[in-house]
């Protein structure tokens, strides 16, 4: 009887893990991560340490193709809303020592981001 109870608990744990949906990234997450970068992206100079911390956090959360595409759409939209300098946007990940797997430009086709 103990063995059956143990198997039931293990099966229940596996089923509950499989049924838990992954956390998808949202535009709020992207904007929150990049908010400290706004001065750099619209003005100039160098990105602040809090900006680079946000970029690193964002890069770490882009685990799936869906996450990367969502982030791309969000960044593209925000870039046009805030008059972001495209050179600053494309250089930001490198200046912070990370790769986000894409270079967001005004004409990027986010549906093709892998």
PDB file of N, CA and C in Angstrom:
ATOM      1  N   UNK A   1       0.819  -1.197   0.000  1.00  0.00           N
ATOM      2  CA  UNK A   1       0.000   0.000   0.000  1.00  0.00           C
ATOM      3  C   UNK A   1       0.862   1.261   0.000  1.00  0.00           C
ATOM      4  N   UNK A   2       1.984   1.214   0.752  1.00  0.00           N
ATOM      5  CA  UNK A   2       2.885   2.356   0.772  1.00  0.00           C
ATOM      6  C   UNK A   2       3.436   2.647  -0.618  1.00  0.00           C
ATOM      7  N   UNK A   3       3.757   1.588  -1.364  1.00  0.00           N
ATOM      8  CA  UNK A   3       4.302   1.742  -2.707  1.00  0.00           C
ATOM      9  C   UNK A   3       3.301   2.398  -3.640  1.00  0.00           C
ATOM     10  N   UNK A   4       2.027   2.037  -3.532  1.00  0.00           N
ATOM     11  CA  UNK A   4       0.988   2.626  -4.374  1.00  0.00           C
ATOM     12  C   UNK A   4       0.832   4.106  -4.044  1.00  0.00           C
ATOM     13  N   UNK A   5       0.857   4.438  -2.766  1.00  0.00           N
ATOM     14  CA  UNK A   5       0.733   5.836  -2.352  1.00  0.00           C
ATOM     15  C   UNK A   5       1.916   6.650  -2.872  1.00  0.00           C
ATOM     16  N   UNK A   6       3.113   6.084  -2.807  1.00  0.00           N
ATOM     17  CA  UNK A   6       4.297   6.780  -3.292  1.00  0.00           C
ATOM     18  C   UNK A   6       4.214   7.008  -4.803  1.00  0.00           C
ATOM     19  N   UNK A   7       3.788   5.990  -5.540  1.00  0.00           N
ATOM     20  CA  UNK A   7       3.637   6.125  -6.994  1.00  0.00           C
ATOM     21  C   UNK A   7       2.601   7.195  -7.309  1.00  0.00           C
ATOM     22  N   UNK A   8       1.498   7.209  -6.556  1.00  0.00           N
ATOM     23  CA  UNK A   8       0.451   8.208  -6.777  1.00  0.00           C
ATOM     24  C   UNK A   8       1.002   9.622  -6.569  1.00  0.00           C
ATOM     25  N   UNK A   9       1.780   9.815  -5.517  1.00  0.00           N
ATOM     26  CA  UNK A   9       2.354  11.128  -5.225  1.00  0.00           C
ATOM     27  C   UNK A   9       3.313  11.544  -6.340  1.00  0.00           C
ATOM     28  N   UNK A  10       4.136  10.624  -6.808  1.00  0.00           N
ATOM     29  CA  UNK A  10       5.083  10.933  -7.885  1.00  0.00           C
ATOM     30  C   UNK A  10       4.333  11.291  -9.166  1.00  0.00           C
ATOM     31  N   UNK A  11       3.310  10.505  -9.522  1.00  0.00           N
ATOM     32  CA  UNK A  11       2.519  10.785 -10.725  1.00  0.00           C
ATOM     33  C   UNK A  11       1.832  12.139 -10.596  1.00  0.00           C
ATOM     34  N   UNK A  12       1.272  12.429  -9.436  1.00  0.00           N
ATOM     35  CA  UNK A  12       0.608  13.707  -9.208  1.00  0.00           C
ATOM     36  C   UNK A  12       1.596  14.867  -9.364  1.00  0.00           C
ATOM     37  N   UNK A  13       2.797  14.711  -8.855  1.00  0.00           N
ATOM     38  CA  UNK A  13       3.811  15.759  -8.977  1.00  0.00           C
ATOM     39  C   UNK A  13       4.199  15.979 -10.435  1.00  0.00           C
ATOM     40  N   UNK A  14       4.374  14.893 -11.180  1.00  0.00           N
ATOM     41  CA  UNK A  14       4.742  15.010 -12.594  1.00  0.00           C
ATOM     42  C   UNK A  14       3.626  15.679 -13.385  1.00  0.00           C
ATOM     43  N   UNK A  15       2.385  15.287 -13.136  1.00  0.00           N
ATOM     44  CA  UNK A  15       1.250  15.881 -13.849  1.00  0.00           C
ATOM     45  C   UNK A  15       1.129  17.361 -13.519  1.00  0.00           C
ATOM     46  N   UNK A  16       1.315  17.732 -12.267  1.00  0.00           N
ATOM     47  CA  UNK A  16       1.186  19.144 -11.909  1.00  0.00           C
ATOM     48  C   UNK A  16       2.304  19.977 -12.530  1.00  0.00           C
ATOM     49  N   UNK A  17       3.498  19.419 -12.647  1.00  0.00           N
ATOM     50  CA  UNK A  17       4.587  20.141 -13.304  1.00  0.00           C
ATOM     51  C   UNK A  17       4.318  20.300 -14.792  1.00  0.00           C
ATOM     52  N   UNK A  18       3.803  19.263 -15.419  1.00  0.00           N
ATOM     53  CA  UNK A  18       3.524  19.318 -16.849  1.00  0.00           C
ATOM     54  C   UNK A  18       2.385  20.275 -17.156  1.00  0.00           C
ATOM     55  N   UNK A  19       1.466  20.452 -16.229  1.00  0.00           N
ATOM     56  CA  UNK A  19       0.307  21.308 -16.470  1.00  0.00           C
ATOM     57  C   UNK A  19       0.580  22.776 -16.177  1.00  0.00           C
ATOM     58  N   UNK A  20       1.715  23.063 -15.565  1.00  0.00           N
ATOM     59  CA  UNK A  20       2.031  24.447 -15.226  1.00  0.00           C
ATOM     60  C   UNK A  20       2.549  25.168 -16.459  1.00  0.00           C
ATOM     61  N   UNK A  21       1.825  26.186 -16.930  1.00  0.00           N
ATOM     62  CA  UNK A  21       2.293  26.890 -18.124  1.00  0.00           C
ATOM     63  C   UNK A  21       3.527  27.724 -17.818  1.00  0.00           C
ATOM     64  N   UNK A  22       4.368  27.904 -18.826  1.00  0.00           N
ATOM     65  CA  UNK A  22       5.562  28.732 -18.664  1.00  0.00           C
ATOM     66  C   UNK A  22       5.171  30.190 -18.545  1.00  0.00           C
ATOM     67  N   UNK A  23       6.007  30.938 -17.923  1.00  0.00           N
ATOM     68  CA  UNK A  23       5.769  32.368 -17.779  1.00  0.00           C
ATOM     69  C   UNK A  23       6.204  33.064 -19.060  1.00  0.00           C
ATOM     70  N   UNK A  24       5.264  33.614 -19.777  1.00  0.00           N
ATOM     71  CA  UNK A  24       5.589  34.353 -20.997  1.00  0.00           C
ATOM     72  C   UNK A  24       5.965  35.782 -20.624  1.00  0.00           C
ATOM     73  N   UNK A  25       6.865  36.345 -21.395  1.00  0.00           N
ATOM     74  CA  UNK A  25       7.286  37.720 -21.151  1.00  0.00           C
ATOM     75  C   UNK A  25       6.204  38.671 -21.664  1.00  0.00           C
ATOM     76  N   UNK A  26       6.071  39.816 -21.032  1.00  0.00           N
ATOM     77  CA  UNK A  26       5.078  40.809 -21.450  1.00  0.00           C
ATOM     78  C   UNK A  26       5.788  42.112 -21.811  1.00  0.00           C
ATOM     79  N   UNK A  27       5.063  43.000 -22.479  1.00  0.00           N
ATOM     80  CA  UNK A  27       5.639  44.317 -22.790  1.00  0.00           C
ATOM     81  C   UNK A  27       5.971  45.074 -21.507  1.00  0.00           C
ATOM     82  N   UNK A  28       5.182  44.864 -20.471  1.00  0.00           N
ATOM     83  CA  UNK A  28       5.480  45.492 -19.183  1.00  0.00           C
ATOM     84  C   UNK A  28       6.828  45.046 -18.646  1.00  0.00           C
ATOM     85  N   UNK A  29       7.137  43.746 -18.811  1.00  0.00           N
ATOM     86  CA  UNK A  29       8.441  43.228 -18.379  1.00  0.00           C
ATOM     87  C   UNK A  29       9.573  43.879 -19.169  1.00  0.00           C
ATOM     88  N   UNK A  30       9.377  43.956 -20.487  1.00  0.00           N
ATOM     89  CA  UNK A  30      10.404  44.539 -21.360  1.00  0.00           C
ATOM     90  C   UNK A  30      10.610  46.009 -21.022  1.00  0.00           C
ATOM     91  N   UNK A  31       9.515  46.736 -20.907  1.00  0.00           N
ATOM     92  CA  UNK A  31       9.604  48.167 -20.602  1.00  0.00           C
ATOM     93  C   UNK A  31      10.233  48.406 -19.238  1.00  0.00           C
ATOM     94  N   UNK A  32       9.854  47.582 -18.263  1.00  0.00           N
ATOM     95  CA  UNK A  32      10.430  47.719 -16.927  1.00  0.00           C
ATOM     96  C   UNK A  32      11.930  47.472 -16.923  1.00  0.00           C
ATOM     97  N   UNK A  33      12.365  46.474 -17.698  1.00  0.00           N
ATOM     98  CA  UNK A  33      13.796  46.165 -17.770  1.00  0.00           C
ATOM     99  C   UNK A  33      14.588  47.272 -18.446  1.00  0.00           C
ATOM    100  N   UNK A  34      13.983  47.892 -19.456  1.00  0.00           N
ATOM    101  CA  UNK A  34      14.710  48.887 -20.245  1.00  0.00           C
ATOM    102  C   UNK A  34      14.467  50.333 -19.818  1.00  0.00           C
ATOM    103  N   UNK A  35      13.564  50.564 -18.876  1.00  0.00           N
ATOM    104  CA  UNK A  35      13.265  51.934 -18.427  1.00  0.00           C
ATOM    105  C   UNK A  35      14.513  52.697 -17.982  1.00  0.00           C
ATOM    106  N   UNK A  36      15.446  52.066 -17.253  1.00  0.00           N
ATOM    107  CA  UNK A  36      16.640  52.813 -16.853  1.00  0.00           C
ATOM    108  C   UNK A  36      17.541  53.205 -18.031  1.00  0.00           C
ATOM    109  N   UNK A  37      17.248  52.679 -19.214  1.00  0.00           N
ATOM    110  CA  UNK A  37      18.077  52.951 -20.397  1.00  0.00           C
ATOM    111  C   UNK A  37      17.553  54.109 -21.233  1.00  0.00           C
ATOM    112  N   UNK A  38      16.415  54.662 -20.868  1.00  0.00           N
ATOM    113  CA  UNK A  38      15.774  55.670 -21.710  1.00  0.00           C
ATOM    114  C   UNK A  38      16.679  56.873 -21.977  1.00  0.00           C
ATOM    115  N   UNK A  39      17.379  57.360 -20.966  1.00  0.00           N
ATOM    116  CA  UNK A  39      18.264  58.517 -21.164  1.00  0.00           C
ATOM    117  C   UNK A  39      19.352  58.194 -22.186  1.00  0.00           C
ATOM    118  N   UNK A  40      19.942  57.008 -22.087  1.00  0.00           N
ATOM    119  CA  UNK A  40      20.972  56.601 -23.048  1.00  0.00           C
ATOM    120  C   UNK A  40      20.370  56.442 -24.444  1.00  0.00           C
ATOM    121  N   UNK A  41      19.219  55.795 -24.535  1.00  0.00           N
ATOM    122  CA  UNK A  41      18.618  55.491 -25.834  1.00  0.00           C
ATOM    123  C   UNK A  41      18.121  56.728 -26.576  1.00  0.00           C
ATOM    124  N   UNK A  42      17.742  57.753 -25.835  1.00  0.00           N
ATOM    125  CA  UNK A  42      17.212  58.959 -26.481  1.00  0.00           C
ATOM    126  C   UNK A  42      18.212  60.110 -26.511  1.00  0.00           C
ATOM    127  N   UNK A  43      19.224  60.037 -25.656  1.00  0.00           N
ATOM    128  CA  UNK A  43      20.170  61.146 -25.562  1.00  0.00           C
ATOM    129  C   UNK A  43      21.549  60.775 -26.039  1.00  0.00           C
ATOM    130  N   UNK A  44      22.263  60.086 -25.225  1.00  0.00           N
ATOM    131  CA  UNK A  44      23.627  59.724 -25.582  1.00  0.00           C
ATOM    132  C   UNK A  44      24.408  59.313 -24.370  1.00  0.00           C
ATOM    133  N   UNK A  45      25.706  59.428 -24.470  1.00  0.00           N
ATOM    134  CA  UNK A  45      26.572  59.030 -23.375  1.00  0.00           C
ATOM    135  C   UNK A  45      26.725  57.527 -23.322  1.00  0.00           C
ATOM    136  N   UNK A  46      26.845  57.017 -22.130  1.00  0.00           N
ATOM    137  CA  UNK A  46      27.006  55.586 -21.906  1.00  0.00           C
ATOM    138  C   UNK A  46      25.835  55.073 -21.078  1.00  0.00           C
ATOM    139  N   UNK A  47      25.457  53.805 -21.262  1.00  0.00           N
ATOM    140  CA  UNK A  47      24.378  53.252 -20.440  1.00  0.00           C
ATOM    141  C   UNK A  47      24.812  53.148 -18.979  1.00  0.00           C
ATOM    142  N   UNK A  48      23.882  53.426 -18.079  1.00  0.00           N
ATOM    143  CA  UNK A  48      24.170  53.352 -16.642  1.00  0.00           C
ATOM    144  C   UNK A  48      24.246  51.893 -16.197  1.00  0.00           C
ATOM    145  N   UNK A  49      24.748  51.685 -14.991  1.00  0.00           N
ATOM    146  CA  UNK A  49      24.816  50.321 -14.459  1.00  0.00           C
ATOM    147  C   UNK A  49      23.417  49.751 -14.254  1.00  0.00           C
ATOM    148  N   UNK A  50      22.450  50.590 -13.868  1.00  0.00           N
ATOM    149  CA  UNK A  50      21.079  50.079 -13.712  1.00  0.00           C
ATOM    150  C   UNK A  50      20.481  49.731 -15.069  1.00  0.00           C
ATOM    151  N   UNK A  51      20.841  50.484 -16.101  1.00  0.00           N
ATOM    152  CA  UNK A  51      20.402  50.161 -17.457  1.00  0.00           C
ATOM    153  C   UNK A  51      20.944  48.790 -17.852  1.00  0.00           C
ATOM    154  N   UNK A  52      22.239  48.584 -17.682  1.00  0.00           N
ATOM    155  CA  UNK A  52      22.844  47.302 -18.060  1.00  0.00           C
ATOM    156  C   UNK A  52      22.298  46.149 -17.221  1.00  0.00           C
ATOM    157  N   UNK A  53      21.977  46.421 -15.969  1.00  0.00           N
ATOM    158  CA  UNK A  53      21.341  45.393 -15.145  1.00  0.00           C
ATOM    159  C   UNK A  53      20.001  44.983 -15.726  1.00  0.00           C
ATOM    160  N   UNK A  54      19.241  45.963 -16.208  1.00  0.00           N
ATOM    161  CA  UNK A  54      17.959  45.667 -16.840  1.00  0.00           C
ATOM    162  C   UNK A  54      18.122  44.900 -18.137  1.00  0.00           C
ATOM    163  N   UNK A  55      19.130  45.257 -18.918  1.00  0.00           N
ATOM    164  CA  UNK A  55      19.398  44.557 -20.181  1.00  0.00           C
ATOM    165  C   UNK A  55      19.790  43.111 -19.894  1.00  0.00           C
ATOM    166  N   UNK A  56      20.633  42.896 -18.886  1.00  0.00           N
ATOM    167  CA  UNK A  56      21.029  41.529 -18.519  1.00  0.00           C
ATOM    168  C   UNK A  56      19.825  40.731 -18.036  1.00  0.00           C
ATOM    169  N   UNK A  57      18.971  41.367 -17.248  1.00  0.00           N
ATOM    170  CA  UNK A  57      17.764  40.700 -16.764  1.00  0.00           C
ATOM    171  C   UNK A  57      16.860  40.319 -17.933  1.00  0.00           C
ATOM    172  N   UNK A  58      16.683  41.244 -18.864  1.00  0.00           N
ATOM    173  CA  UNK A  58      15.856  40.968 -20.034  1.00  0.00           C
ATOM    174  C   UNK A  58      16.450  39.829 -20.854  1.00  0.00           C
ATOM    175  N   UNK A  59      17.750  39.874 -21.105  1.00  0.00           N
ATOM    176  CA  UNK A  59      18.401  38.823 -21.890  1.00  0.00           C
ATOM    177  C   UNK A  59      18.203  37.456 -21.244  1.00  0.00           C
ATOM    178  N   UNK A  60      18.266  37.407 -19.928  1.00  0.00           N
ATOM    179  CA  UNK A  60      18.076  36.146 -19.224  1.00  0.00           C
ATOM    180  C   UNK A  60      16.657  35.622 -19.278  1.00  0.00           C
ATOM    181  N   UNK A  61      15.700  36.501 -19.542  1.00  0.00           N
ATOM    182  CA  UNK A  61      14.300  36.064 -19.571  1.00  0.00           C
ATOM    183  C   UNK A  61      13.817  35.701 -20.973  1.00  0.00           C
ATOM    184  N   UNK A  62      14.649  35.882 -21.974  1.00  0.00           N
ATOM    185  CA  UNK A  62      14.250  35.566 -23.349  1.00  0.00           C
ATOM    186  C   UNK A  62      14.605  34.116 -23.666  1.00  0.00           C
ATOM    187  N   UNK A  63      13.846  33.197 -23.074  1.00  0.00           N
ATOM    188  CA  UNK A  63      14.171  31.781 -23.168  1.00  0.00           C
ATOM    189  C   UNK A  63      13.593  31.081 -24.396  1.00  0.00           C
ATOM    190  N   UNK A  64      12.503  31.592 -24.932  1.00  0.00           N
ATOM    191  CA  UNK A  64      11.854  30.916 -26.059  1.00  0.00           C
ATOM    192  C   UNK A  64      11.746  31.859 -27.252  1.00  0.00           C
ATOM    193  N   UNK A  65      11.441  31.281 -28.399  1.00  0.00           N
ATOM    194  CA  UNK A  65      11.235  32.099 -29.594  1.00  0.00           C
ATOM    195  C   UNK A  65      10.079  33.070 -29.366  1.00  0.00           C
ATOM    196  N   UNK A  66       9.031  32.604 -28.713  1.00  0.00           N
ATOM    197  CA  UNK A  66       7.889  33.472 -28.423  1.00  0.00           C
ATOM    198  C   UNK A  66       8.318  34.658 -27.561  1.00  0.00           C
ATOM    199  N   UNK A  67       9.153  34.412 -26.553  1.00  0.00           N
ATOM    200  CA  UNK A  67       9.650  35.502 -25.702  1.00  0.00           C
ATOM    201  C   UNK A  67      10.435  36.519 -26.526  1.00  0.00           C
ATOM    202  N   UNK A  68      11.322  36.019 -27.392  1.00  0.00           N
ATOM    203  CA  UNK A  68      12.146  36.924 -28.202  1.00  0.00           C
ATOM    204  C   UNK A  68      11.291  37.729 -29.181  1.00  0.00           C
ATOM    205  N   UNK A  69      10.288  37.091 -29.786  1.00  0.00           N
ATOM    206  CA  UNK A  69       9.415  37.816 -30.709  1.00  0.00           C
ATOM    207  C   UNK A  69       8.582  38.855 -29.972  1.00  0.00           C
ATOM    208  N   UNK A  70       8.048  38.491 -28.812  1.00  0.00           N
ATOM    209  CA  UNK A  70       7.269  39.445 -28.017  1.00  0.00           C
ATOM    210  C   UNK A  70       8.137  40.635 -27.631  1.00  0.00           C
ATOM    211  N   UNK A  71       9.343  40.358 -27.147  1.00  0.00           N
ATOM    212  CA  UNK A  71      10.257  41.441 -26.770  1.00  0.00           C
ATOM    213  C   UNK A  71      10.577  42.316 -27.974  1.00  0.00           C
ATOM    214  N   UNK A  72      10.750  41.713 -29.127  1.00  0.00           N
ATOM    215  CA  UNK A  72      11.039  42.465 -30.346  1.00  0.00           C
ATOM    216  C   UNK A  72       9.903  43.431 -30.662  1.00  0.00           C
ATOM    217  N   UNK A  73       8.666  42.924 -30.665  1.00  0.00           N
ATOM    218  CA  UNK A  73       7.513  43.795 -30.944  1.00  0.00           C
ATOM    219  C   UNK A  73       7.430  44.935 -29.925  1.00  0.00           C
ATOM    220  N   UNK A  74       7.657  44.610 -28.658  1.00  0.00           N
ATOM    221  CA  UNK A  74       7.582  45.626 -27.602  1.00  0.00           C
ATOM    222  C   UNK A  74       8.662  46.688 -27.768  1.00  0.00           C
ATOM    223  N   UNK A  75       9.893  46.244 -28.044  1.00  0.00           N
ATOM    224  CA  UNK A  75      10.995  47.196 -28.207  1.00  0.00           C
ATOM    225  C   UNK A  75      10.805  48.045 -29.455  1.00  0.00           C
ATOM    226  N   UNK A  76      10.316  47.434 -30.517  1.00  0.00           N
ATOM    227  CA  UNK A  76      10.089  48.175 -31.761  1.00  0.00           C
ATOM    228  C   UNK A  76       9.031  49.252 -31.551  1.00  0.00           C
ATOM    229  N   UNK A  77       7.969  48.905 -30.857  1.00  0.00           N
ATOM    230  CA  UNK A  77       6.902  49.863 -30.573  1.00  0.00           C
ATOM    231  C   UNK A  77       7.404  50.991 -29.670  1.00  0.00           C
ATOM    232  N   UNK A  78       8.117  50.625 -28.618  1.00  0.00           N
ATOM    233  CA  UNK A  78       8.635  51.632 -27.683  1.00  0.00           C
ATOM    234  C   UNK A  78       9.642  52.549 -28.369  1.00  0.00           C
ATOM    235  N   UNK A  79      10.447  51.987 -29.259  1.00  0.00           N
ATOM    236  CA  UNK A  79      11.459  52.794 -29.951  1.00  0.00           C
ATOM    237  C   UNK A  79      10.818  53.909 -30.763  1.00  0.00           C
ATOM    238  N   UNK A  80       9.700  53.611 -31.408  1.00  0.00           N
ATOM    239  CA  UNK A  80       9.041  54.659 -32.203  1.00  0.00           C
ATOM    240  C   UNK A  80       8.314  55.656 -31.304  1.00  0.00           C
ATOM    241  N   UNK A  81       7.803  55.196 -30.176  1.00  0.00           N
ATOM    242  CA  UNK A  81       7.082  56.085 -29.256  1.00  0.00           C
ATOM    243  C   UNK A  81       8.004  57.075 -28.555  1.00  0.00           C
ATOM    244  N   UNK A  82       9.228  56.643 -28.256  1.00  0.00           N
ATOM    245  CA  UNK A  82      10.152  57.476 -27.482  1.00  0.00           C
ATOM    246  C   UNK A  82      11.272  58.084 -28.320  1.00  0.00           C
ATOM    247  N   UNK A  83      11.181  57.984 -29.637  1.00  0.00           N
ATOM    248  CA  UNK A  83      12.232  58.512 -30.523  1.00  0.00           C
ATOM    249  C   UNK A  83      13.619  58.009 -30.131  1.00  0.00           C
ATOM    250  N   UNK A  84      13.708  56.707 -29.989  1.00  0.00           N
ATOM    251  CA  UNK A  84      14.972  56.072 -29.634  1.00  0.00           C
ATOM    252  C   UNK A  84      15.934  56.150 -30.819  1.00  0.00           C
ATOM    253  N   UNK A  85      17.174  56.482 -30.534  1.00  0.00           N
ATOM    254  CA  UNK A  85      18.209  56.491 -31.573  1.00  0.00           C
ATOM    255  C   UNK A  85      18.526  55.045 -31.956  1.00  0.00           C
ATOM    256  N   UNK A  86      18.407  54.714 -33.233  1.00  0.00           N
ATOM    257  CA  UNK A  86      18.606  53.327 -33.662  1.00  0.00           C
ATOM    258  C   UNK A  86      20.035  52.850 -33.405  1.00  0.00           C
ATOM    259  N   UNK A  87      21.023  53.724 -33.531  1.00  0.00           N
ATOM    260  CA  UNK A  87      22.398  53.309 -33.254  1.00  0.00           C
ATOM    261  C   UNK A  87      22.569  52.964 -31.777  1.00  0.00           C
ATOM    262  N   UNK A  88      21.940  53.733 -30.912  1.00  0.00           N
ATOM    263  CA  UNK A  88      22.030  53.454 -29.474  1.00  0.00           C
ATOM    264  C   UNK A  88      21.351  52.131 -29.148  1.00  0.00           C
ATOM    265  N   UNK A  89      20.190  51.880 -29.759  1.00  0.00           N
ATOM    266  CA  UNK A  89      19.461  50.634 -29.505  1.00  0.00           C
ATOM    267  C   UNK A  89      20.259  49.425 -29.978  1.00  0.00           C
ATOM    268  N   UNK A  90      20.853  49.519 -31.161  1.00  0.00           N
ATOM    269  CA  UNK A  90      21.591  48.364 -31.674  1.00  0.00           C
ATOM    270  C   UNK A  90      22.893  48.131 -30.905  1.00  0.00           C
ATOM    271  N   UNK A  91      23.477  49.187 -30.339  1.00  0.00           N
ATOM    272  CA  UNK A  91      24.728  49.048 -29.587  1.00  0.00           C
ATOM    273  C   UNK A  91      24.531  48.693 -28.119  1.00  0.00           C
ATOM    274  N   UNK A  92      23.324  48.862 -27.603  1.00  0.00           N
ATOM    275  CA  UNK A  92      23.094  48.695 -26.164  1.00  0.00           C
ATOM    276  C   UNK A  92      23.482  47.317 -25.633  1.00  0.00           C
ATOM    277  N   UNK A  93      23.025  46.213 -26.223  1.00  0.00           N
ATOM    278  CA  UNK A  93      23.413  44.914 -25.647  1.00  0.00           C
ATOM    279  C   UNK A  93      24.930  44.736 -25.570  1.00  0.00           C
ATOM    280  N   UNK A  94      25.634  45.098 -26.629  1.00  0.00           N
ATOM    281  CA  UNK A  94      27.093  44.973 -26.631  1.00  0.00           C
ATOM    282  C   UNK A  94      27.752  45.846 -25.581  1.00  0.00           C
ATOM    283  N   UNK A  95      27.238  47.061 -25.394  1.00  0.00           N
ATOM    284  CA  UNK A  95      27.802  47.958 -24.379  1.00  0.00           C
ATOM    285  C   UNK A  95      27.591  47.396 -22.978  1.00  0.00           C
ATOM    286  N   UNK A  96      26.550  46.575 -22.831  1.00  0.00           N
ATOM    287  CA  UNK A  96      26.272  45.959 -21.526  1.00  0.00           C
ATOM    288  C   UNK A  96      26.856  44.550 -21.422  1.00  0.00           C
ATOM    289  N   UNK A  97      27.536  44.099 -22.485  1.00  0.00           N
ATOM    290  CA  UNK A  97      28.205  42.802 -22.444  1.00  0.00           C
ATOM    291  C   UNK A  97      27.290  41.606 -22.545  1.00  0.00           C
ATOM    292  N   UNK A  98      26.147  41.771 -23.210  1.00  0.00           N
ATOM    293  CA  UNK A  98      25.219  40.647 -23.372  1.00  0.00           C
ATOM    294  C   UNK A  98      24.755  40.562 -24.821  1.00  0.00           C
ATOM    295  N   UNK A  99      24.139  39.441 -25.142  1.00  0.00           N
ATOM    296  CA  UNK A  99      23.517  39.265 -26.448  1.00  0.00           C
ATOM    297  C   UNK A  99      22.049  38.946 -26.219  1.00  0.00           C
ATOM    298  N   UNK A 100      21.178  39.606 -26.962  1.00  0.00           N
ATOM    299  CA  UNK A 100      19.752  39.288 -26.842  1.00  0.00           C
ATOM    300  C   UNK A 100      19.270  38.503 -28.058  1.00  0.00           C
ATOM    301  N   UNK A 101      20.188  38.156 -28.947  1.00  0.00           N
ATOM    302  CA  UNK A 101      19.847  37.305 -30.080  1.00  0.00           C
ATOM    303  C   UNK A 101      19.187  38.022 -31.242  1.00  0.00           C
ATOM    304  N   UNK A 102      19.155  39.347 -31.218  1.00  0.00           N
ATOM    305  CA  UNK A 102      18.566  40.115 -32.317  1.00  0.00           C
ATOM    306  C   UNK A 102      19.064  41.544 -32.226  1.00  0.00           C
ATOM    307  N   UNK A 103      19.001  42.225 -33.345  1.00  0.00           N
ATOM    308  CA  UNK A 103      19.284  43.655 -33.373  1.00  0.00           C
ATOM    309  C   UNK A 103      17.993  44.344 -33.764  1.00  0.00           C
ATOM    310  N   UNK A 104      17.411  45.078 -32.847  1.00  0.00           N
ATOM    311  CA  UNK A 104      16.126  45.726 -33.115  1.00  0.00           C
ATOM    312  C   UNK A 104      16.383  47.005 -33.895  1.00  0.00           C
ATOM    313  N   UNK A 105      15.857  47.024 -35.098  1.00  0.00           N
ATOM    314  CA  UNK A 105      15.947  48.190 -35.976  1.00  0.00           C
ATOM    315  C   UNK A 105      14.527  48.619 -36.325  1.00  0.00           C
ATOM    316  N   UNK A 106      14.343  49.823 -36.838  1.00  0.00           N
ATOM    317  CA  UNK A 106      12.985  50.273 -37.169  1.00  0.00           C
ATOM    318  C   UNK A 106      12.267  49.374 -38.176  1.00  0.00           C
ATOM    319  N   UNK A 107      13.030  48.671 -39.017  1.00  0.00           N
ATOM    320  CA  UNK A 107      12.399  47.843 -40.041  1.00  0.00           C
ATOM    321  C   UNK A 107      12.503  46.340 -39.772  1.00  0.00           C
ATOM    322  N   UNK A 108      12.842  45.938 -38.551  1.00  0.00           N
ATOM    323  CA  UNK A 108      12.960  44.514 -38.239  1.00  0.00           C
ATOM    324  C   UNK A 108      11.602  43.828 -38.379  1.00  0.00           C
ATOM    325  N   UNK A 109      11.611  42.620 -38.927  1.00  0.00           N
ATOM    326  CA  UNK A 109      10.410  41.792 -39.011  1.00  0.00           C
ATOM    327  C   UNK A 109      10.439  40.858 -37.806  1.00  0.00           C
ATOM    328  N   UNK A 110       9.736  41.238 -36.758  1.00  0.00           N
ATOM    329  CA  UNK A 110       9.785  40.486 -35.496  1.00  0.00           C
ATOM    330  C   UNK A 110       9.257  39.060 -35.645  1.00  0.00           C
ATOM    331  N   UNK A 111       8.411  38.809 -36.640  1.00  0.00           N
ATOM    332  CA  UNK A 111       7.890  37.451 -36.832  1.00  0.00           C
ATOM    333  C   UNK A 111       8.985  36.494 -37.292  1.00  0.00           C
ATOM    334  N   UNK A 112      10.105  37.018 -37.767  1.00  0.00           N
ATOM    335  CA  UNK A 112      11.207  36.172 -38.235  1.00  0.00           C
ATOM    336  C   UNK A 112      12.303  35.998 -37.194  1.00  0.00           C
ATOM    337  N   UNK A 113      12.128  36.607 -36.022  1.00  0.00           N
ATOM    338  CA  UNK A 113      13.113  36.444 -34.948  1.00  0.00           C
ATOM    339  C   UNK A 113      13.022  35.020 -34.434  1.00  0.00           C
ATOM    340  N   UNK A 114      14.163  34.378 -34.349  1.00  0.00           N
ATOM    341  CA  UNK A 114      14.163  33.001 -33.844  1.00  0.00           C
ATOM    342  C   UNK A 114      14.772  32.996 -32.480  1.00  0.00           C
TER     343      UNK A 114
END
